[in-house]
N, C-alpha and C. Protein backbone atom coordinates (compact mmCIF):
# COMPACT_ATOMS: atom_id res chain seq x y z
N MET A 1 0.77 -1.52 0.03
CA MET A 1 0.16 0.33 -0.25
C MET A 1 0.80 1.83 0.01
N ILE A 2 1.62 1.49 -0.04
CA ILE A 2 3.46 2.28 -0.05
C ILE A 2 2.62 2.92 -1.19
N GLY A 3 1.91 2.78 -2.69
CA GLY A 3 2.14 2.95 -3.94
C GLY A 3 1.22 4.80 -3.75
N ILE A 4 0.29 4.75 -2.60
CA ILE A 4 -0.70 5.30 -2.68
C ILE A 4 -0.11 6.79 -1.87
N PRO A 5 1.12 6.90 -0.55
CA PRO A 5 0.94 7.67 -0.62
C PRO A 5 2.10 8.42 -1.33
N ILE A 6 3.07 7.34 -2.36
CA ILE A 6 3.76 8.00 -2.70
C ILE A 6 2.91 9.10 -3.94
N GLY A 7 2.24 8.17 -3.97
CA GLY A 7 1.42 8.61 -5.29
C GLY A 7 0.93 10.29 -5.25
N ILE A 8 0.67 10.34 -3.88
CA ILE A 8 -0.52 11.73 -3.45
C ILE A 8 1.31 12.03 -3.46
N LEU A 9 2.19 12.27 -3.00
CA LEU A 9 2.83 12.85 -2.60
C LEU A 9 3.38 13.64 -4.41
N ILE A 10 3.86 13.12 -4.89
CA ILE A 10 4.41 12.70 -6.64
C ILE A 10 3.14 13.42 -6.84
N GLY A 11 2.17 13.42 -6.58
CA GLY A 11 1.33 14.68 -7.46
C GLY A 11 1.11 15.28 -7.39
N LEU A 12 0.98 16.01 -5.81
CA LEU A 12 1.26 17.20 -5.21
C LEU A 12 2.30 17.86 -5.87
N LEU A 13 3.03 17.26 -5.58
CA LEU A 13 4.38 17.81 -6.89
C LEU A 13 4.05 18.22 -7.80
N SER A 14 3.68 17.40 -8.55
CA SER A 14 4.57 17.25 -9.88
C SER A 14 2.87 18.03 -9.84
N GLY A 15 1.44 18.31 -9.82
CA GLY A 15 1.30 19.05 -9.50
C GLY A 15 0.64 20.66 -9.95
N VAL A 16 1.66 21.16 -8.22
CA VAL A 16 2.24 22.24 -8.57
C VAL A 16 3.23 22.83 -9.56
N ILE A 17 4.32 21.92 -10.12
CA ILE A 17 4.99 21.97 -11.11
C ILE A 17 4.55 22.61 -12.27
N PHE A 18 3.12 21.89 -12.27
CA PHE A 18 2.56 21.64 -13.56
C PHE A 18 2.13 23.19 -13.40
N ILE A 19 1.19 23.84 -12.68
CA ILE A 19 0.54 25.07 -12.23
C ILE A 19 1.52 26.17 -12.94
N PHE A 20 2.52 25.89 -11.98
CA PHE A 20 3.65 26.96 -11.91
C PHE A 20 4.10 27.10 -13.40
N LEU A 21 4.41 26.17 -14.33
CA LEU A 21 4.47 26.73 -15.52
C LEU A 21 4.06 26.34 -16.56
N VAL A 22 2.51 25.76 -16.47
CA VAL A 22 1.10 26.58 -17.37
C VAL A 22 1.02 28.44 -17.35
N ARG A 23 1.07 29.20 -15.85
CA ARG A 23 0.39 30.17 -15.71
C ARG A 23 1.66 30.87 -16.56
N THR A 24 3.04 29.93 -16.37
CA THR A 24 4.62 31.36 -16.74
C THR A 24 4.26 30.99 -18.31
N ALA A 25 3.69 30.00 -18.19
CA ALA A 25 3.92 29.94 -20.25
C ALA A 25 2.26 30.72 -20.98
N TRP A 26 1.71 31.17 -19.63
CA TRP A 26 0.16 31.49 -20.14
C TRP A 26 0.57 33.18 -19.77
N THR A 27 1.04 33.42 -18.62
CA THR A 27 1.40 34.93 -19.07
C THR A 27 2.59 35.61 -20.20
N SER A 28 3.55 35.14 -20.66
CA SER A 28 4.62 34.63 -21.49
C SER A 28 4.33 34.29 -22.38
N ARG A 29 2.47 34.12 -23.24
CA ARG A 29 2.59 33.51 -24.52
C ARG A 29 3.12 34.40 -25.20
N ASN A 30 3.51 35.33 -25.43
CA ASN A 30 3.78 36.11 -26.91
C ASN A 30 5.98 35.80 -26.61
N ASP A 31 6.58 35.30 -25.80
CA ASP A 31 7.42 34.82 -25.92
C ASP A 31 7.67 33.45 -26.18
N ARG A 32 8.13 33.19 -27.51
CA ARG A 32 8.42 31.60 -28.13
C ARG A 32 9.52 31.66 -26.93
N LYS A 33 10.50 31.92 -26.40
CA LYS A 33 11.78 31.27 -26.37
C LYS A 33 11.07 30.93 -24.58
N ALA A 34 10.65 31.08 -23.92
CA ALA A 34 9.67 31.34 -22.62
C ALA A 34 9.25 30.22 -22.34
N VAL A 35 8.06 30.03 -23.51
CA VAL A 35 7.32 29.00 -24.24
C VAL A 35 7.58 27.61 -24.41
N GLY A 36 9.07 28.10 -24.72
CA GLY A 36 9.28 26.78 -25.36
C GLY A 36 10.39 26.03 -24.47
N LYS A 37 10.82 26.64 -23.43
CA LYS A 37 11.33 26.50 -21.92
C LYS A 37 9.96 25.95 -21.17
N VAL A 38 9.66 26.38 -21.65
CA VAL A 38 7.95 25.80 -20.41
C VAL A 38 7.62 24.47 -20.61
N ILE A 39 7.40 24.57 -22.06
CA ILE A 39 7.36 23.22 -22.79
C ILE A 39 8.08 21.89 -22.47
N ILE A 40 9.71 21.63 -23.06
CA ILE A 40 10.51 21.31 -22.63
C ILE A 40 10.48 20.92 -21.00
N GLU A 41 10.33 22.07 -19.93
CA GLU A 41 9.97 21.09 -18.36
C GLU A 41 8.45 20.37 -18.41
N LEU A 42 7.52 20.67 -19.58
CA LEU A 42 7.08 19.69 -18.94
C LEU A 42 6.82 18.63 -19.99
N VAL A 43 7.64 17.98 -20.53
CA VAL A 43 8.10 17.15 -21.37
C VAL A 43 8.43 16.26 -19.79
N ALA A 44 9.29 16.65 -19.07
CA ALA A 44 10.17 16.39 -18.25
C ALA A 44 8.89 15.85 -17.42
N ILE A 45 8.21 16.07 -16.55
CA ILE A 45 7.20 15.54 -15.81
C ILE A 45 7.33 14.30 -15.41
N PRO A 46 6.81 13.69 -16.64
CA PRO A 46 6.24 11.76 -16.80
C PRO A 46 7.60 11.05 -16.02
N THR A 47 9.12 11.96 -16.90
CA THR A 47 9.79 11.23 -16.26
C THR A 47 10.31 10.54 -14.99
N PHE A 48 9.21 12.33 -14.30
CA PHE A 48 9.89 12.27 -12.97
C PHE A 48 8.82 11.43 -11.95
N TRP A 49 7.67 11.17 -12.66
CA TRP A 49 6.75 10.29 -11.90
C TRP A 49 6.72 8.86 -12.37
N PHE A 50 7.58 8.59 -13.34
CA PHE A 50 7.93 6.94 -12.72
C PHE A 50 9.49 6.02 -13.20
N GLY A 51 9.98 7.01 -12.98
CA GLY A 51 11.58 6.64 -13.18
C GLY A 51 12.35 7.81 -12.72
N GLY A 52 12.17 8.48 -11.45
CA GLY A 52 12.94 9.70 -11.01
C GLY A 52 13.86 9.01 -10.73
N SER A 53 14.70 10.28 -9.55
CA SER A 53 15.67 9.62 -8.32
C SER A 53 14.70 8.79 -7.11
N TRP A 54 13.52 9.14 -7.12
CA TRP A 54 12.76 8.39 -5.40
C TRP A 54 12.64 6.30 -5.89
N ALA A 55 12.80 6.84 -7.13
CA ALA A 55 12.27 4.56 -7.95
C ALA A 55 13.74 4.30 -7.12
N ALA A 56 15.38 4.36 -7.68
CA ALA A 56 16.50 3.51 -6.80
C ALA A 56 16.04 4.14 -5.17
N SER A 57 15.93 4.76 -5.10
CA SER A 57 15.69 5.40 -3.74
C SER A 57 16.20 4.17 -2.59
N ALA A 58 16.50 4.42 -1.84
CA ALA A 58 17.07 2.62 -0.74
C ALA A 58 15.91 1.98 0.15
N LEU A 59 15.10 3.06 -0.08
CA LEU A 59 13.25 2.87 0.86
C LEU A 59 12.98 2.32 -0.13
N LEU A 60 13.01 2.09 -1.31
CA LEU A 60 12.39 1.69 -1.79
C LEU A 60 12.32 -0.38 -2.44
N ARG A 61 13.51 -0.53 -1.97
CA ARG A 61 14.50 -1.49 -2.26
C ARG A 61 13.73 -2.93 -2.07
N GLU A 62 13.01 -2.25 -1.04
CA GLU A 62 12.20 -4.01 -0.95
C GLU A 62 11.12 -3.84 -1.68
N ILE A 63 10.65 -2.85 -1.91
CA ILE A 63 8.73 -3.12 -2.16
C ILE A 63 9.33 -3.37 -4.07
N ASP A 64 7.35 -4.23 -4.11
CA ASP A 64 7.51 -5.01 -4.94
C ASP A 64 6.88 -3.71 -6.18
N VAL A 65 7.86 -3.37 -6.97
CA VAL A 65 6.86 -2.76 -8.18
C VAL A 65 5.76 -2.89 -8.58
N SER A 66 6.17 -4.41 -9.08
CA SER A 66 4.44 -4.41 -9.79
C SER A 66 3.19 -4.45 -8.91
N LEU A 67 3.36 -4.54 -7.56
CA LEU A 67 2.21 -4.58 -6.45
C LEU A 67 1.95 -3.19 -6.28
N MET A 68 2.41 -2.87 -5.69
CA MET A 68 2.49 -0.44 -6.47
C MET A 68 2.74 0.13 -7.19
N LEU A 69 2.58 -0.09 -8.07
CA LEU A 69 1.83 0.52 -9.42
C LEU A 69 0.57 0.96 -9.44
N PRO A 70 0.07 -0.10 -9.98
CA PRO A 70 -1.72 0.54 -9.65
C PRO A 70 -2.59 1.41 -9.27
N TYR A 71 -1.70 1.42 -7.09
CA TYR A 71 -1.54 2.54 -6.27
C TYR A 71 -1.49 3.46 -6.59
N TYR A 72 -0.08 3.31 -6.67
CA TYR A 72 0.54 4.16 -7.29
C TYR A 72 -0.15 4.57 -8.70
N ALA A 73 0.18 4.74 -9.69
CA ALA A 73 -0.63 5.53 -10.60
C ALA A 73 -2.32 5.63 -10.48
N THR A 74 -2.55 5.79 -9.67
CA THR A 74 -4.33 5.95 -9.78
C THR A 74 -4.11 6.79 -8.94
N SER A 75 -3.53 7.01 -7.26
CA SER A 75 -2.92 8.04 -6.18
C SER A 75 -2.79 9.44 -7.49
N LEU A 76 -1.81 8.90 -7.93
CA LEU A 76 -1.63 10.11 -8.69
C LEU A 76 -1.77 10.71 -9.93
N ALA A 77 -2.64 10.37 -10.49
CA ALA A 77 -3.54 10.79 -11.84
C ALA A 77 -4.45 11.56 -10.95
N VAL A 78 -4.92 10.94 -9.48
CA VAL A 78 -6.68 11.50 -9.01
C VAL A 78 -5.50 13.26 -8.34
N VAL A 79 -5.17 12.47 -8.13
CA VAL A 79 -4.22 13.85 -7.51
C VAL A 79 -3.64 14.98 -8.25
N PHE A 80 -3.16 14.05 -9.33
CA PHE A 80 -2.69 15.33 -10.40
C PHE A 80 -4.10 16.43 -10.90
N GLY A 81 -5.18 15.63 -11.10
CA GLY A 81 -6.02 15.82 -12.01
C GLY A 81 -6.44 17.17 -10.73
N LEU A 82 -6.76 16.39 -9.71
CA LEU A 82 -7.38 17.92 -9.15
C LEU A 82 -6.98 19.04 -8.59
N ILE A 83 -5.31 19.16 -8.85
CA ILE A 83 -4.77 19.98 -8.78
C ILE A 83 -4.50 20.90 -10.81
N ALA A 84 -4.49 19.69 -11.37
CA ALA A 84 -4.36 20.44 -12.73
C ALA A 84 -5.76 20.93 -13.39
N LEU A 85 -6.46 19.89 -13.07
CA LEU A 85 -8.02 20.41 -14.03
C LEU A 85 -8.20 21.79 -14.02
N PRO A 86 -8.44 22.44 -12.76
CA PRO A 86 -9.37 23.84 -12.14
C PRO A 86 -8.55 24.66 -13.34
N VAL A 87 -7.46 24.63 -13.47
CA VAL A 87 -6.42 25.88 -14.00
C VAL A 87 -5.76 25.59 -14.72
N LEU A 88 -6.29 24.38 -15.73
CA LEU A 88 -6.45 24.10 -17.39
C LEU A 88 -7.80 24.33 -18.20
N PHE A 89 -8.78 24.27 -17.24
CA PHE A 89 -10.43 24.72 -17.40
C PHE A 89 -10.35 26.39 -17.57
N LYS A 90 -9.71 26.75 -16.35
CA LYS A 90 -9.93 29.28 -15.73
C LYS A 90 -9.29 29.05 -17.34
N ILE A 91 -8.33 28.62 -18.25
CA ILE A 91 -7.41 29.11 -19.53
C ILE A 91 -8.45 28.85 -20.68
N ILE A 92 -8.98 27.74 -20.86
CA ILE A 92 -9.75 26.67 -22.07
C ILE A 92 -10.69 28.49 -21.96
N LEU A 93 -11.18 28.57 -20.91
CA LEU A 93 -12.75 29.44 -20.08
C LEU A 93 -11.98 31.02 -20.83
N GLN A 94 -10.96 30.70 -20.89
CA GLN A 94 -10.88 32.46 -21.26
C GLN A 94 -9.57 32.65 -22.71
N ILE A 95 -9.34 31.53 -23.19
CA ILE A 95 -9.47 31.55 -24.35
C ILE A 95 -10.40 31.81 -25.27
N ALA A 96 -11.60 30.92 -24.81
CA ALA A 96 -13.18 30.51 -25.90
C ALA A 96 -13.50 32.36 -25.71
N ARG A 97 -13.19 33.24 -24.58
CA ARG A 97 -13.82 33.95 -24.36
C ARG A 97 -13.03 35.02 -25.07
N GLU A 98 -11.54 34.52 -25.74
CA GLU A 98 -10.73 36.01 -25.91
C GLU A 98 -10.59 35.23 -27.59
N VAL A 99 -10.94 34.69 -28.06
CA VAL A 99 -12.02 33.62 -28.89
C VAL A 99 -13.49 34.36 -30.20
N GLY A 100 -14.43 34.16 -28.68
CA GLY A 100 -15.49 35.42 -29.57
C GLY A 100 -15.45 36.86 -29.55
N GLN A 101 -14.69 37.20 -28.19
CA GLN A 101 -14.32 38.85 -28.31
C GLN A 101 -12.89 38.41 -30.55
N GLN A 102 -13.38 37.77 -30.58
CA GLN A 102 -12.33 38.62 -31.67
C GLN A 102 -13.53 38.35 -32.67
N SER A 103 -14.27 36.72 -32.71
CA SER A 103 -15.11 36.73 -34.25
C SER A 103 -16.31 37.65 -33.94
N GLY A 104 -16.00 38.09 -32.44
CA GLY A 104 -17.40 38.95 -32.42
C GLY A 104 -18.64 38.76 -32.02
N GLY A 105 -18.12 37.45 -31.73
CA GLY A 105 -19.50 36.89 -30.37
C GLY A 105 -19.79 37.87 -28.87
N ALA A 106 -20.85 36.79 -28.22
CA ALA A 106 -20.77 37.21 -27.87
C ALA A 106 -20.33 37.23 -26.06
N PRO A 107 -19.77 38.17 -25.65
CA PRO A 107 -18.08 38.02 -24.36
C PRO A 107 -18.18 36.49 -22.98
C-alpha cells in the first residue's frame, strides 16, 4: 500500500509544478523562447513520475513495484487531475472568451 502515499506526494509535487509552468507559459505566451522552455520542462514531468531518483531510493528497494504501481498510478492521476484541471479549465475559458471577442461573438 506504499503506492498510495507516494502517488499522493508525487501528484502534489508535479501538480504544483505543472500549475507554475502553465501560468508562466500563459503570462509569457508572446515570448516564444520562454514558452519553448516551459514546454521542455512539461515534457520532463512523466520522467519524474515513473523513474525519477525516488525509484532507486533505498527505501523502495524492498518493495515489489508490480504490486505498488496500480495504486501509485491511480493516486497520482487523481491528485494531479484535481490540482491541474481547474487551472486548465480557467485557461480554456479565457481562450474561448478571447476567441469569441475577436470573432464578434458574445463575451
